[in-house]
Amino acid sequence: MTFAERAARLAGIAGALAGWRPDEFWAATPRELETLLAAFTGGGGGGHPPPDAAVIAALKEQFPDG
C-alpha cells in the first residue's frame, strides 16, 4: 500500500469516527491522530515515538509532493 493510499484510509477513518473533514485531518499532528485512534480503540498508542527530523526528511525525499 502506498503512502497516499494509507493516508486516504486514515483520513476516512478519522472522518467516520470523529467527523473530521479532510482539512482537519491534514492539519492534525501525528500525535493528535494517534490520540483520536486510541480513544476509539482503547489503545495506548503503541509506544512509538514520533519521527525525528531525519526520518521526516527521508520520507519527504521518498514521497515528494509533486
C-alpha atoms as a PDB file:
ATOM      1  CA  MET A   1       0.000   0.000   0.000  1.00  0.00           C
ATOM      2  CA  THR A   2       1.389   3.417  -0.928  1.00  0.00           C
ATOM      3  CA  PHE A   3       1.686   6.410   1.386  1.00  0.00           C
ATOM      4  CA  ALA A   4      -1.208   8.105  -0.441  1.00  0.00           C
ATOM      5  CA  GLU A   5      -3.408   5.022  -0.051  1.00  0.00           C
ATOM      6  CA  ARG A   6      -2.625   4.766   3.657  1.00  0.00           C
ATOM      7  CA  ALA A   7      -3.244   8.478   4.165  1.00  0.00           C
ATOM      8  CA  ALA A   8      -6.590   8.249   2.367  1.00  0.00           C
ATOM      9  CA  ARG A   9      -7.576   5.294   4.538  1.00  0.00           C
ATOM     10  CA  LEU A  10      -6.613   7.123   7.746  1.00  0.00           C
ATOM     11  CA  ALA A  11      -8.471  10.235   6.586  1.00  0.00           C
ATOM     12  CA  GLY A  12     -11.566   8.103   6.008  1.00  0.00           C
ATOM     13  CA  ILE A  13     -11.267   6.538   9.452  1.00  0.00           C
ATOM     14  CA  ALA A  14     -10.827   9.945  11.105  1.00  0.00           C
ATOM     15  CA  GLY A  15     -13.862  11.216   9.201  1.00  0.00           C
ATOM     16  CA  ALA A  16     -16.009   8.234  10.110  1.00  0.00           C
ATOM     17  CA  LEU A  17     -15.017   8.123  13.773  1.00  0.00           C
ATOM     18  CA  ALA A  18     -14.774  11.798  14.655  1.00  0.00           C
ATOM     19  CA  GLY A  19     -16.346  13.646  11.763  1.00  0.00           C
ATOM     20  CA  TRP A  20     -13.034  15.184  10.704  1.00  0.00           C
ATOM     21  CA  ARG A  21     -13.126  16.850   7.296  1.00  0.00           C
ATOM     22  CA  PRO A  22     -10.058  16.378   5.037  1.00  0.00           C
ATOM     23  CA  ASP A  23      -8.594  19.761   6.003  1.00  0.00           C
ATOM     24  CA  GLU A  24      -8.855  18.849   9.691  1.00  0.00           C
ATOM     25  CA  PHE A  25      -7.131  15.513   9.048  1.00  0.00           C
ATOM     26  CA  TRP A  26      -4.248  17.132   7.139  1.00  0.00           C
ATOM     27  CA  ALA A  27      -3.867  19.878   9.768  1.00  0.00           C
ATOM     28  CA  ALA A  28      -3.663  17.332  12.603  1.00  0.00           C
ATOM     29  CA  THR A  29      -0.344  16.238  14.048  1.00  0.00           C
ATOM     30  CA  PRO A  30       0.564  12.536  14.220  1.00  0.00           C
ATOM     31  CA  ARG A  31       0.048  12.756  17.993  1.00  0.00           C
ATOM     32  CA  GLU A  32      -3.494  14.115  17.525  1.00  0.00           C
ATOM     33  CA  LEU A  33      -4.339  11.309  15.102  1.00  0.00           C
ATOM     34  CA  GLU A  34      -2.842   8.754  17.484  1.00  0.00           C
ATOM     35  CA  THR A  35      -4.920  10.177  20.354  1.00  0.00           C
ATOM     36  CA  LEU A  36      -8.098  10.023  18.259  1.00  0.00           C
ATOM     37  CA  LEU A  37      -7.499   6.413  17.247  1.00  0.00           C
ATOM     38  CA  ALA A  38      -6.540   5.394  20.799  1.00  0.00           C
ATOM     39  CA  ALA A  39      -9.755   6.936  22.141  1.00  0.00           C
ATOM     40  CA  PHE A  40     -11.843   4.763  19.833  1.00  0.00           C
ATOM     41  CA  THR A  41      -9.801   1.564  20.150  1.00  0.00           C
ATOM     42  CA  GLY A  42      -8.932   1.774  23.832  1.00  0.00           C
ATOM     43  CA  GLY A  43      -5.277   1.523  22.885  1.00  0.00           C
ATOM     44  CA  GLY A  44      -2.406   3.299  24.487  1.00  0.00           C
ATOM     45  CA  GLY A  45      -0.846   4.496  21.260  1.00  0.00           C
ATOM     46  CA  GLY A  46       1.669   1.711  20.744  1.00  0.00           C
ATOM     47  CA  GLY A  47       4.543   3.454  22.499  1.00  0.00           C
ATOM     48  CA  HIS A  48       6.288   4.577  19.305  1.00  0.00           C
ATOM     49  CA  PRO A  49       7.930   7.993  19.454  1.00  0.00           C
ATOM     50  CA  PRO A  50       7.132  10.472  16.665  1.00  0.00           C
ATOM     51  CA  PRO A  51       9.570  10.529  13.738  1.00  0.00           C
ATOM     52  CA  ASP A  52      12.596  12.765  14.111  1.00  0.00           C
ATOM     53  CA  ALA A  53      13.791  15.340  11.567  1.00  0.00           C
ATOM     54  CA  ALA A  54      15.983  12.819   9.729  1.00  0.00           C
ATOM     55  CA  VAL A  55      13.116  10.384   9.248  1.00  0.00           C
ATOM     56  CA  ILE A  56      10.812  13.165   8.048  1.00  0.00           C
ATOM     57  CA  ALA A  57      13.474  14.385   5.598  1.00  0.00           C
ATOM     58  CA  ALA A  58      13.920  10.852   4.240  1.00  0.00           C
ATOM     59  CA  LEU A  59      10.157  10.456   3.820  1.00  0.00           C
ATOM     60  CA  LYS A  60       9.917  13.800   2.015  1.00  0.00           C
ATOM     61  CA  GLU A  61      12.637  12.670  -0.368  1.00  0.00           C
ATOM     62  CA  GLN A  62      10.999   9.282  -0.896  1.00  0.00           C
ATOM     63  CA  PHE A  63       7.473  10.732  -1.323  1.00  0.00           C
ATOM     64  CA  PRO A  64       7.795  14.215  -2.894  1.00  0.00           C
ATOM     65  CA  ASP A  65       4.692  16.396  -3.150  1.00  0.00           C
ATOM     66  CA  GLY A  66       4.944  16.988  -6.828  1.00  0.00           C
END
